[in-house]
Amino acid sequence: MVLDRGNNTDQTRSDANAGTQPNFQVDMADSKTRSIFNRQITVAHADHSDTEKTSEADRKPTEQMIPKATAVNGAQDQQKATESNSLTERPTSPEVPKSKESVNIHRLPDGDRQLETTGPKVGKVFVSKETYDRMMKGQTGATGEGPWLNRNKDGTLDGTYDLTKKIAVEGNIQLKNSKYHRYVNLKDDTVTITGNTLPSTEIGKFPLDRKYYSIDRNPNRVEPNDFSVTVPRYPTPAENPSPIGLGAIAILKNGSLSYGPNDGQGNDAVKRELQDKNNGHPSESQHYHVHNIPPILYEKQDSREPVGTAIDGFKIVAARKSDGQLYSTKELDEFHGRVVDVKQDDGTVKKEWAYCVSLDYPYTIGAFKGTPAKIEGLKEVGLGQGPNGGKPGDGNQHNHGGMPGDTNQQDPSGKPDRDPKSKESEHLPSLEIIDDKNSKGSFKSAKLETTLFDIAQNSLLEKRESIADSQQKLNIRSDDVYRELNRVMILNGYQPASLNGRHNITDRNLPNSWNNVTKNQKFKLGSI
């Protein structure tokens, strides 16, 4: 018997040329507002928008209690005048009672390049040799050193970090069209999980504000992407363990994707990269994801209840010891799991093997114990091996260094690439045309916000180059930025700019450089 899948209708996507706004609706809530979890027994279903219909015969005690997102109504949080422009500390981390087995959250061990290519090993992440080699040559991920990294007296890094001092990206954005469904097929003993990668929990403001650039320059935004994955209801260990890639390795009960713990350079992403208060940020594919499980999913929940499902079918639980603490990595096996009490779909509790949440690296999964399944429909640009890690040469899932790498990614709207052979990235933001009745065909000072120029500028920061703008002229001082400008213009349906030899965009030539631009329209390009 297959349980009813309910309504999975997507929201209508706006035309890419209509603006740079994300393709979903959001409510901005102030910092005092928290997302609400309504527990309900449904057909193993957490619909963040609709109500699922099932027959009485289907309503058997095989359902799992899943959080349901409730739209949060709050004051608009659009750059409040009182908002601080300085980096803020992450909200208080969960307290860990002290015992000899406990990890010290003020001195968590460094997970940088703690990789293994020969097989699973406690405290390591099992990756393929090809993935390892690419990581060693990688140049993406966080570019700076956060103040939460502990140092020796001489100022050098001591190889640990303080979780309580980790900075969280500002923002309390509640997405209104998050989708997550979990279907149990009693006949085939399979579980099918569908969603759109948008979490029911609040997210931060992305792309990152420039004030974070000394640490991380993630230029990506959050976009929906419908997906489906089917895993065994009762998974069994595979004959041979499987390595993990940099793509999705699990689906969490709030609807977000969980990735492996490393960035594109093989470094500890939790330690080095910036995430929001719920441990998430967007990838180059615009997928919101986490590298460690957000405490909101387990802090006040039954520790036996799964917080997610790995793509090999094994559950992920935030199991606790008798003293109430999470298990540390050294107390788990080479896959990062152990036999613990796990709440079943029918509400009963059984002892079974599961991946366990820890506060220390590798946080969730070190290698796949079962056979990983492919996530269907997930347009993911990855790095390394694994069913969701991408093919070699596809680019880098963790491109936080500015201009996105060459990819073959299709636009999340489902529109085909304009040139199937092109390696241009379709995920880049659209150039927004805004009405300006007073412009009379003249581009007075370009009022810029985060879009193309933000991305192009990021790619030049490494070279210490800059873009200068004046009241009447945008002076592009780099061929790289000029090429990037033309690339995005073409991707968004405009003709390449015919600029002068100095690569200057001026009020005089800009209106004639783009197709479809009327005298009473101007481009809102990006903020410098």
Protein backbone atom coordinates (compact mmCIF):
# COMPACT_ATOMS: atom_id res chain seq x y z
CA MET A 1 0.00 0.00 0.00
CA VAL A 2 1.45 3.33 -1.04
CA LEU A 3 0.45 6.29 1.05
CA ASP A 4 -1.10 9.26 -0.72
CA ARG A 5 1.45 11.82 -1.84
CA GLY A 6 -0.79 14.83 -1.54
CA ASN A 7 -0.41 18.10 -3.38
CA ASN A 8 3.12 19.01 -4.42
CA THR A 9 2.27 21.97 -6.59
CA ASP A 10 5.08 24.48 -6.97
CA GLN A 11 4.72 28.20 -6.71
CA THR A 12 4.79 30.02 -10.03
CA ARG A 13 8.27 31.18 -10.89
CA SER A 14 8.63 34.75 -12.02
CA ASP A 15 10.40 35.65 -15.24
CA ALA A 16 14.15 35.75 -14.76
CA ASN A 17 14.27 39.16 -16.37
CA ALA A 18 11.71 40.60 -13.99
CA GLY A 19 14.06 41.11 -11.09
CA THR A 20 16.66 39.77 -8.76
CA GLN A 21 14.29 38.73 -6.02
CA PRO A 22 14.37 35.06 -4.95
CA ASN A 23 11.61 32.89 -6.36
CA PHE A 24 9.77 32.43 -3.11
CA GLN A 25 7.82 34.54 -0.66
CA VAL A 26 9.26 35.45 2.70
CA ASP A 27 8.18 37.07 5.90
CA MET A 28 10.91 38.96 7.71
CA ALA A 29 10.55 38.55 11.46
CA ASP A 30 12.41 40.30 14.22
CA SER A 31 14.94 38.51 16.37
CA LYS A 32 12.41 37.79 19.10
CA THR A 33 10.26 35.72 16.78
CA ARG A 34 11.00 32.01 16.46
CA SER A 35 9.53 29.53 14.00
CA ILE A 36 6.79 27.40 15.54
CA PHE A 37 6.76 23.62 15.32
CA ASN A 38 3.27 22.12 15.37
CA ARG A 39 3.41 18.42 16.08
CA GLN A 40 0.82 16.47 14.18
CA ILE A 41 0.34 12.83 13.30
CA THR A 42 -0.14 12.61 9.55
CA VAL A 43 0.75 10.10 6.94
CA ALA A 44 4.44 10.53 7.65
CA HIS A 45 4.06 13.96 6.19
CA ALA A 46 5.15 17.50 6.96
CA ASP A 47 3.56 19.75 4.40
CA HIS A 48 4.72 23.30 4.86
CA SER A 49 1.92 24.69 2.74
CA ASP A 50 -0.96 22.27 2.08
CA THR A 51 -3.00 19.62 3.91
CA GLU A 52 -2.59 16.04 2.78
CA LYS A 53 -5.63 13.87 2.12
CA THR A 54 -5.52 10.15 2.88
CA SER A 55 -8.02 7.36 3.19
CA GLU A 56 -8.88 5.82 6.53
CA ALA A 57 -7.22 2.60 5.38
CA ASP A 58 -3.98 4.49 4.93
CA ARG A 59 -4.03 5.99 8.40
CA LYS A 60 -2.19 3.20 10.11
CA PRO A 61 0.11 3.75 13.06
CA THR A 62 3.15 4.08 10.80
CA GLU A 63 3.36 7.81 10.88
CA GLN A 64 6.20 9.86 12.20
CA MET A 65 5.70 13.08 14.05
CA ILE A 66 7.13 15.75 11.82
CA PRO A 67 7.40 19.49 12.52
CA LYS A 68 5.21 21.69 10.42
CA ALA A 69 6.27 25.22 9.60
CA THR A 70 3.91 28.01 10.48
CA ALA A 71 4.19 31.34 8.71
CA VAL A 72 5.60 33.90 11.05
CA ASN A 73 4.11 37.35 11.00
CA GLY A 74 6.45 40.02 12.16
CA ALA A 75 7.75 43.46 11.46
CA GLN A 76 9.60 43.84 8.18
CA ASP A 77 13.30 43.45 8.76
CA GLN A 78 14.54 45.31 5.72
CA GLN A 79 17.79 46.93 6.82
CA LYS A 80 16.54 48.52 10.00
CA ALA A 81 18.09 51.81 10.90
CA THR A 82 18.99 50.40 14.27
CA GLU A 83 20.70 47.36 12.83
CA SER A 84 24.36 47.13 13.74
CA ASN A 85 26.92 47.02 10.96
CA SER A 86 29.32 44.97 13.03
CA LEU A 87 29.60 41.20 13.16
CA THR A 88 27.39 39.63 15.79
CA GLU A 89 27.91 36.52 17.86
CA ARG A 90 25.98 33.33 17.25
CA PRO A 91 23.10 32.80 19.68
CA THR A 92 24.12 30.78 22.72
CA SER A 93 25.07 27.22 21.84
CA PRO A 94 23.54 24.32 23.76
CA GLU A 95 25.29 23.77 27.05
CA VAL A 96 27.25 20.53 27.36
CA PRO A 97 27.53 19.17 30.92
CA LYS A 98 31.09 18.29 31.79
CA SER A 99 32.28 14.72 32.06
CA LYS A 100 35.37 12.87 30.93
CA GLU A 101 33.62 11.79 27.71
CA SER A 102 32.34 15.25 26.81
CA VAL A 103 33.77 17.38 24.07
CA ASN A 104 34.92 20.82 25.09
CA ILE A 105 32.79 23.19 23.01
CA HIS A 106 35.31 25.96 23.73
CA ARG A 107 38.09 23.90 22.16
CA LEU A 108 36.56 21.72 19.47
CA PRO A 109 39.21 19.86 17.45
CA ASP A 110 40.15 20.96 13.96
CA GLY A 111 38.48 18.93 11.20
CA ASP A 112 40.49 20.46 8.36
CA ARG A 113 41.37 17.78 5.82
CA GLN A 114 40.60 14.96 8.20
CA LEU A 115 39.93 12.74 5.20
CA GLU A 116 40.50 9.06 4.46
CA THR A 117 40.59 7.44 1.02
CA THR A 118 41.09 3.79 1.98
CA GLY A 119 37.89 3.31 3.95
CA PRO A 120 35.89 4.54 6.97
CA LYS A 121 37.81 5.53 10.08
CA VAL A 122 36.67 7.07 13.36
CA GLY A 123 37.02 10.84 13.28
CA LYS A 124 37.65 10.91 9.53
CA VAL A 125 35.50 11.36 6.43
CA PHE A 126 35.75 8.65 3.80
CA VAL A 127 36.11 10.20 0.31
CA SER A 128 37.21 8.80 -3.02
CA LYS A 129 40.79 9.32 -4.18
CA GLU A 130 39.53 11.51 -7.00
CA THR A 131 37.56 13.69 -4.59
CA TYR A 132 40.58 13.95 -2.30
CA ASP A 133 42.86 15.05 -5.14
CA ARG A 134 40.40 17.71 -6.24
CA MET A 135 40.02 18.98 -2.68
CA MET A 136 43.76 19.38 -2.36
CA LYS A 137 43.70 21.60 -5.43
CA GLY A 138 40.53 23.43 -4.40
CA GLN A 139 40.48 27.18 -3.95
CA THR A 140 37.00 27.74 -2.61
CA GLY A 141 35.36 27.93 0.78
CA ALA A 142 35.89 30.53 3.48
CA THR A 143 38.74 32.89 2.69
CA GLY A 144 39.51 34.30 6.13
CA GLU A 145 39.91 33.30 9.76
CA GLY A 146 37.02 33.90 12.12
CA PRO A 147 37.51 35.28 15.65
CA TRP A 148 36.21 31.97 17.06
CA LEU A 149 39.40 30.20 15.98
CA ASN A 150 41.62 29.72 19.02
CA ARG A 151 45.21 30.95 18.92
CA ASN A 152 48.46 30.35 20.71
CA LYS A 153 50.21 33.12 22.61
CA ASP A 154 52.28 33.93 19.53
CA GLY A 155 49.11 34.48 17.50
CA THR A 156 49.24 31.29 15.47
CA LEU A 157 46.18 29.05 15.24
CA ASP A 158 46.21 26.21 17.76
CA GLY A 159 43.97 23.87 15.75
CA THR A 160 40.77 24.30 17.79
CA TYR A 161 37.77 26.59 17.76
CA ASP A 162 35.23 27.91 20.24
CA LEU A 163 31.67 27.05 19.19
CA THR A 164 30.20 29.59 21.60
CA LYS A 165 32.01 32.41 19.79
CA LYS A 166 31.01 31.33 16.28
CA ILE A 167 29.45 34.23 14.37
CA ALA A 168 26.02 33.71 12.84
CA VAL A 169 24.87 35.45 9.67
CA GLU A 170 22.23 38.00 10.53
CA GLY A 171 18.60 37.53 9.55
CA ASN A 172 15.41 35.85 10.73
CA ILE A 173 13.68 35.06 7.45
CA GLN A 174 10.75 32.64 7.48
CA LEU A 175 10.16 31.05 4.08
CA LYS A 176 6.47 30.61 3.33
CA ASN A 177 6.60 27.84 0.73
CA SER A 178 8.92 25.28 2.26
CA LYS A 179 7.86 21.75 1.32
CA TYR A 180 8.74 18.41 2.90
CA HIS A 181 6.88 15.10 2.68
CA ARG A 182 7.83 11.67 3.94
CA TYR A 183 5.88 8.74 2.48
CA VAL A 184 6.05 5.19 3.81
CA ASN A 185 5.26 2.42 1.32
CA LEU A 186 4.12 -0.50 3.48
CA LYS A 187 4.06 -2.92 0.57
CA ASP A 188 7.57 -2.32 -0.70
CA ASP A 189 9.02 -1.23 2.65
CA THR A 190 10.46 1.93 1.17
CA VAL A 191 10.40 5.56 2.24
CA THR A 192 10.11 8.34 -0.32
CA ILE A 193 11.06 11.85 0.73
CA THR A 194 10.13 14.85 -1.40
CA GLY A 195 10.72 18.55 -0.87
CA ASN A 196 12.10 21.72 -2.41
CA THR A 197 15.26 22.23 -0.28
CA LEU A 198 13.70 25.22 1.52
CA PRO A 199 13.70 24.74 5.31
CA SER A 200 10.74 25.34 7.59
CA THR A 201 13.11 26.97 10.09
CA GLU A 202 14.32 30.55 9.76
CA ILE A 203 17.28 31.41 7.57
CA GLY A 204 19.73 34.31 7.44
CA LYS A 205 20.23 36.99 4.80
CA PHE A 206 22.02 35.75 1.71
CA PRO A 207 24.09 36.62 -0.32
CA LEU A 208 26.44 37.64 2.45
CA ASP A 209 26.78 41.28 3.35
CA ARG A 210 30.17 42.83 2.61
CA LYS A 211 30.93 43.20 6.28
CA TYR A 212 31.52 39.43 6.37
CA TYR A 213 33.97 39.40 3.46
CA SER A 214 37.07 39.27 5.65
CA ILE A 215 35.93 35.77 6.63
CA ASP A 216 33.62 34.44 3.94
CA ARG A 217 32.46 35.84 0.58
CA ASN A 218 29.63 33.45 -0.22
CA PRO A 219 27.83 35.20 -3.14
CA ASN A 220 25.03 32.62 -3.38
CA ARG A 221 21.34 33.05 -2.68
CA VAL A 222 18.61 30.61 -1.61
CA GLU A 223 16.38 29.15 -4.33
CA PRO A 224 13.88 26.26 -4.31
CA ASN A 225 14.53 23.00 -6.14
CA ASP A 226 12.00 20.16 -6.10
CA PHE A 227 13.48 16.74 -5.46
CA SER A 228 12.58 13.18 -4.57
CA VAL A 229 14.59 10.32 -3.09
CA THR A 230 13.50 6.78 -2.23
CA VAL A 231 15.37 4.76 0.40
CA PRO A 232 14.74 1.41 2.12
CA ARG A 233 12.52 1.56 5.18
CA TYR A 234 14.72 -1.03 6.86
CA PRO A 235 18.23 -0.37 5.51
CA THR A 236 20.97 -2.97 5.81
CA PRO A 237 24.74 -2.53 5.76
CA ALA A 238 26.22 -2.64 2.27
CA GLU A 239 28.90 -5.17 1.41
CA ASN A 240 31.29 -2.29 0.91
CA PRO A 241 30.97 1.16 2.53
CA SER A 242 30.54 4.14 0.22
CA PRO A 243 32.46 7.44 0.35
CA ILE A 244 30.63 10.73 0.60
CA GLY A 245 30.94 13.67 -1.76
CA LEU A 246 30.32 17.37 -1.19
CA GLY A 247 26.67 17.23 -2.20
CA ALA A 248 23.61 16.21 -0.22
CA ILE A 249 24.06 13.21 2.06
CA ALA A 250 20.80 13.45 4.02
CA ILE A 251 17.41 15.15 4.20
CA LEU A 252 16.47 16.74 7.53
CA LYS A 253 12.97 16.89 8.97
CA ASN A 254 12.81 20.66 8.48
CA GLY A 255 13.16 20.08 4.74
CA SER A 256 16.76 21.22 4.33
CA LEU A 257 19.62 19.29 2.82
CA SER A 258 22.56 18.10 4.88
CA TYR A 259 25.99 18.05 3.22
CA GLY A 260 29.26 16.48 4.23
CA PRO A 261 31.37 18.36 6.80
CA ASN A 262 34.05 19.62 4.40
CA ASP A 263 34.30 22.57 2.01
CA GLY A 264 35.84 22.58 -1.46
CA GLN A 265 39.36 22.58 -0.03
CA GLY A 266 38.67 19.69 2.31
CA ASN A 267 38.54 22.00 5.31
CA ASP A 268 36.08 21.83 8.19
CA ALA A 269 33.11 23.83 6.87
CA VAL A 270 31.55 24.20 10.33
CA LYS A 271 34.76 25.60 11.71
CA ARG A 272 35.64 27.91 8.82
CA GLU A 273 32.54 29.00 6.90
CA LEU A 274 29.78 31.37 7.94
CA GLN A 275 26.28 30.01 8.47
CA ASP A 276 23.08 31.45 9.89
CA LYS A 277 21.72 30.78 13.38
CA ASN A 278 20.37 27.42 12.20
CA ASN A 279 23.73 26.33 10.75
CA GLY A 280 22.73 26.82 7.12
CA HIS A 281 23.84 28.72 4.03
CA PRO A 282 23.37 28.40 0.24
CA SER A 283 25.59 26.45 -2.14
CA GLU A 284 26.59 27.41 -5.67
CA SER A 285 23.44 25.60 -6.81
CA GLN A 286 21.49 28.00 -4.56
CA HIS A 287 20.51 25.11 -2.28
CA TYR A 288 20.18 25.94 1.40
CA HIS A 289 22.05 23.29 3.35
CA VAL A 290 23.80 22.54 6.63
CA HIS A 291 27.05 20.77 7.51
CA ASN A 292 25.99 19.98 11.06
CA ILE A 293 22.52 19.48 12.51
CA PRO A 294 20.88 22.69 13.81
CA PRO A 295 20.09 22.50 17.54
CA ILE A 296 16.53 23.71 16.90
CA LEU A 297 15.79 20.23 15.53
CA TYR A 298 16.85 18.39 18.69
CA GLU A 299 17.40 20.69 21.68
CA LYS A 300 13.83 20.42 22.98
CA GLN A 301 12.81 17.26 21.14
CA ASP A 302 12.71 13.61 22.13
CA SER A 303 16.31 12.46 21.69
CA ARG A 304 15.05 9.17 20.24
CA GLU A 305 13.17 10.87 17.42
CA PRO A 306 15.07 11.04 14.10
CA VAL A 307 16.14 14.50 12.97
CA GLY A 308 16.65 13.32 9.41
CA THR A 309 17.25 10.46 7.03
CA ALA A 310 20.51 9.72 5.23
CA ILE A 311 20.29 8.87 1.54
CA ASP A 312 21.18 5.26 2.34
CA GLY A 313 18.03 4.96 4.48
CA PHE A 314 19.62 4.95 7.92
CA LYS A 315 18.16 7.48 10.34
CA ILE A 316 20.00 10.34 11.99
CA VAL A 317 19.30 10.89 15.68
CA ALA A 318 20.60 13.27 18.33
CA ALA A 319 20.94 10.40 20.79
CA ARG A 320 21.96 11.28 24.32
CA LYS A 321 23.82 9.40 27.00
CA SER A 322 22.52 8.82 30.52
CA ASP A 323 23.99 12.16 31.60
CA GLY A 324 22.01 13.97 28.90
CA GLN A 325 24.95 14.74 26.65
CA LEU A 326 25.32 14.03 22.97
CA TYR A 327 27.78 11.32 22.04
CA SER A 328 31.22 12.50 21.00
CA THR A 329 32.92 11.24 17.85
CA LYS A 330 35.26 8.94 19.77
CA GLU A 331 32.21 7.18 21.24
CA LEU A 332 30.84 6.41 17.77
CA ASP A 333 31.98 3.96 15.10
CA GLU A 334 33.76 4.61 11.82
CA PHE A 335 30.49 5.58 10.11
CA HIS A 336 29.68 8.02 12.93
CA GLY A 337 26.91 5.94 14.44
CA ARG A 338 26.00 3.29 16.99
CA VAL A 339 23.06 1.23 18.24
CA VAL A 340 20.70 3.55 20.11
CA ASP A 341 17.01 3.89 20.95
CA VAL A 342 15.15 5.13 17.88
CA LYS A 343 11.49 6.08 17.66
CA GLN A 344 9.77 4.19 14.85
CA ASP A 345 7.08 5.34 12.44
CA ASP A 346 4.39 3.77 14.63
CA GLY A 347 5.61 5.56 17.75
CA THR A 348 7.29 2.56 19.33
CA VAL A 349 10.93 2.70 20.35
CA LYS A 350 13.45 0.09 19.23
CA LYS A 351 17.18 -0.29 19.48
CA GLU A 352 18.80 -0.02 16.08
CA TRP A 353 21.91 1.35 14.43
CA ALA A 354 21.69 5.02 13.40
CA TYR A 355 23.96 7.92 12.50
CA CYS A 356 24.42 10.12 15.57
CA VAL A 357 24.72 13.86 15.92
CA SER A 358 27.91 15.07 17.60
CA LEU A 359 29.28 18.52 18.35
CA ASP A 360 32.70 17.57 17.01
CA TYR A 361 33.87 16.68 13.51
CA PRO A 362 32.54 14.98 11.38
CA TYR A 363 29.28 15.97 13.08
CA THR A 364 26.84 13.60 11.31
CA ILE A 365 28.13 11.06 8.77
CA GLY A 366 31.68 9.84 8.19
CA ALA A 367 30.85 7.30 5.47
CA PHE A 368 27.74 5.57 4.15
CA LYS A 369 26.99 2.33 5.97
CA GLY A 370 24.27 1.42 3.47
CA THR A 371 23.91 1.96 -0.26
CA PRO A 372 23.32 5.66 -1.03
CA ALA A 373 20.47 6.54 -3.38
CA LYS A 374 20.42 9.26 -6.00
CA ILE A 375 18.27 12.30 -5.26
CA GLU A 376 16.08 12.73 -8.32
CA GLY A 377 15.46 16.22 -9.65
CA LEU A 378 18.19 17.86 -7.60
CA LYS A 379 20.10 20.18 -9.92
CA GLU A 380 23.27 20.06 -7.93
CA VAL A 381 26.70 21.21 -9.03
CA GLY A 382 29.02 19.10 -6.93
CA LEU A 383 32.59 18.03 -6.46
CA GLY A 384 33.79 14.49 -6.07
CA GLN A 385 32.18 11.09 -6.10
CA GLY A 386 28.88 9.88 -4.74
CA PRO A 387 25.35 9.84 -6.14
CA ASN A 388 24.83 13.50 -5.31
CA GLY A 389 28.40 14.77 -5.37
CA GLY A 390 28.56 15.74 -9.03
CA LYS A 391 30.77 14.54 -11.82
CA PRO A 392 34.43 15.51 -11.97
CA GLY A 393 34.82 18.86 -13.64
CA ASP A 394 31.28 20.00 -12.91
CA GLY A 395 32.49 22.82 -10.71
CA ASN A 396 32.43 23.28 -6.97
CA GLN A 397 29.42 22.97 -4.74
CA HIS A 398 31.05 25.28 -2.20
CA ASN A 399 32.02 28.25 -4.30
CA HIS A 400 32.28 30.99 -1.69
CA GLY A 401 35.09 32.85 -3.35
CA GLY A 402 33.19 35.18 -5.64
CA MET A 403 32.63 34.48 -9.33
CA PRO A 404 31.02 31.05 -9.63
CA GLY A 405 33.00 28.38 -11.41
CA ASP A 406 32.04 27.03 -14.80
CA THR A 407 29.16 24.63 -14.44
CA ASN A 408 26.54 22.90 -16.50
CA GLN A 409 23.77 23.73 -14.11
CA GLN A 410 20.26 24.26 -15.41
CA ASP A 411 18.20 27.17 -14.21
CA PRO A 412 16.02 26.20 -11.19
CA SER A 413 12.99 27.45 -13.14
CA GLY A 414 13.29 24.40 -15.34
CA LYS A 415 14.13 26.42 -18.45
CA PRO A 416 16.73 24.69 -20.63
CA ASP A 417 20.19 26.16 -21.07
CA ARG A 418 20.30 28.63 -23.95
CA ASP A 419 23.31 26.72 -25.24
CA PRO A 420 23.45 23.06 -24.16
CA LYS A 421 27.19 23.04 -24.84
CA SER A 422 27.79 26.14 -22.80
CA LYS A 423 29.42 25.88 -19.41
CA GLU A 424 27.90 29.12 -18.25
CA SER A 425 26.11 29.01 -14.93
CA GLU A 426 22.36 29.60 -15.20
CA HIS A 427 21.97 30.34 -11.51
CA LEU A 428 23.42 33.86 -11.64
CA PRO A 429 20.99 36.59 -10.56
CA SER A 430 18.98 38.43 -13.18
CA LEU A 431 19.66 42.06 -13.92
CA GLU A 432 16.68 43.94 -12.60
CA ILE A 433 15.12 46.59 -14.81
CA ILE A 434 13.38 49.25 -12.78
CA ASP A 435 11.20 52.09 -14.00
CA ASP A 436 12.67 55.55 -13.72
CA LYS A 437 10.34 58.12 -15.22
CA ASN A 438 12.75 60.92 -14.37
CA SER A 439 15.78 59.41 -16.04
CA LYS A 440 14.95 60.67 -19.58
CA GLY A 441 17.28 58.04 -20.93
CA SER A 442 20.12 59.05 -18.65
CA PHE A 443 21.68 56.72 -16.10
CA LYS A 444 22.34 59.10 -13.28
CA SER A 445 24.45 57.72 -10.49
CA ALA A 446 24.04 53.95 -10.55
CA LYS A 447 22.38 53.01 -7.30
CA LEU A 448 23.75 49.57 -6.84
CA GLU A 449 22.60 46.62 -4.77
CA THR A 450 23.76 43.00 -4.53
CA THR A 451 23.68 41.31 -7.95
CA LEU A 452 26.13 40.98 -10.82
CA PHE A 453 28.69 43.56 -9.76
CA ASP A 454 28.73 42.08 -6.28
CA ILE A 455 29.68 38.71 -7.73
CA ALA A 456 32.20 40.19 -10.14
CA GLN A 457 33.73 42.32 -7.38
CA ASN A 458 34.13 39.26 -5.16
CA SER A 459 36.22 37.49 -7.77
CA LEU A 460 38.62 40.41 -7.90
CA LEU A 461 39.16 40.86 -4.19
CA GLU A 462 41.79 38.13 -4.23
CA LYS A 463 43.72 40.15 -6.82
CA ARG A 464 43.25 43.35 -4.81
CA GLU A 465 41.57 44.95 -7.81
CA SER A 466 38.59 47.24 -7.50
CA ILE A 467 35.68 48.70 -9.36
CA ALA A 468 35.27 52.45 -9.26
CA ASP A 469 31.97 54.18 -9.78
CA SER A 470 31.20 57.88 -10.05
CA GLN A 471 28.14 60.04 -10.41
CA GLN A 472 28.06 59.63 -14.19
CA LYS A 473 30.22 56.58 -14.94
CA LEU A 474 30.90 53.01 -13.87
CA ASN A 475 34.56 52.34 -14.59
CA ILE A 476 35.36 48.64 -14.90
CA ARG A 477 39.06 48.23 -14.23
CA SER A 478 39.30 44.54 -15.00
CA ASP A 479 38.76 42.45 -18.10
CA ASP A 480 37.49 39.73 -15.77
CA VAL A 481 34.61 41.89 -14.61
CA TYR A 482 33.92 43.02 -18.15
CA ARG A 483 33.68 39.42 -19.35
CA GLU A 484 31.53 38.49 -16.38
CA LEU A 485 29.19 41.37 -17.18
CA ASN A 486 28.75 40.22 -20.76
CA ARG A 487 28.31 36.63 -19.65
CA VAL A 488 25.40 37.42 -17.36
CA MET A 489 23.86 39.76 -19.93
CA ILE A 490 23.79 36.92 -22.45
CA LEU A 491 22.37 34.48 -19.88
CA ASN A 492 19.53 36.89 -19.21
CA GLY A 493 18.64 37.41 -22.84
CA TYR A 494 20.45 40.68 -23.56
CA GLN A 495 22.94 41.47 -26.28
CA PRO A 496 26.61 41.90 -25.33
CA ALA A 497 27.60 45.43 -24.45
CA SER A 498 29.42 47.47 -27.11
CA LEU A 499 31.68 49.40 -24.83
CA ASN A 500 34.61 51.64 -25.60
CA GLY A 501 38.19 50.38 -25.60
CA ARG A 502 38.66 51.29 -21.95
CA HIS A 503 35.76 49.08 -20.98
CA ASN A 504 33.84 51.95 -19.46
CA ILE A 505 30.08 51.88 -19.03
CA THR A 506 28.73 55.42 -19.17
CA ASP A 507 25.36 57.11 -19.23
CA ARG A 508 25.95 57.79 -22.91
CA ASN A 509 26.58 54.27 -24.13
CA LEU A 510 24.79 52.06 -21.60
CA PRO A 511 21.22 52.57 -22.92
CA ASN A 512 22.40 51.54 -26.39
CA SER A 513 24.38 48.59 -25.11
CA TRP A 514 21.43 46.54 -23.91
CA ASN A 515 18.48 45.27 -25.89
CA ASN A 516 14.96 45.80 -24.53
CA VAL A 517 15.84 48.89 -22.51
CA THR A 518 13.52 51.84 -23.00
CA LYS A 519 14.24 55.47 -22.27
CA ASN A 520 12.28 55.27 -19.05
CA GLN A 521 14.05 52.25 -17.67
CA LYS A 522 17.42 51.72 -16.08
CA PHE A 523 19.36 48.83 -14.67
CA LYS A 524 19.79 48.18 -10.99
CA LEU A 525 23.13 46.43 -11.28
CA GLY A 526 24.60 45.71 -7.89
CA SER A 527 26.16 47.38 -4.89
CA ILE A 528 29.80 48.31 -4.58
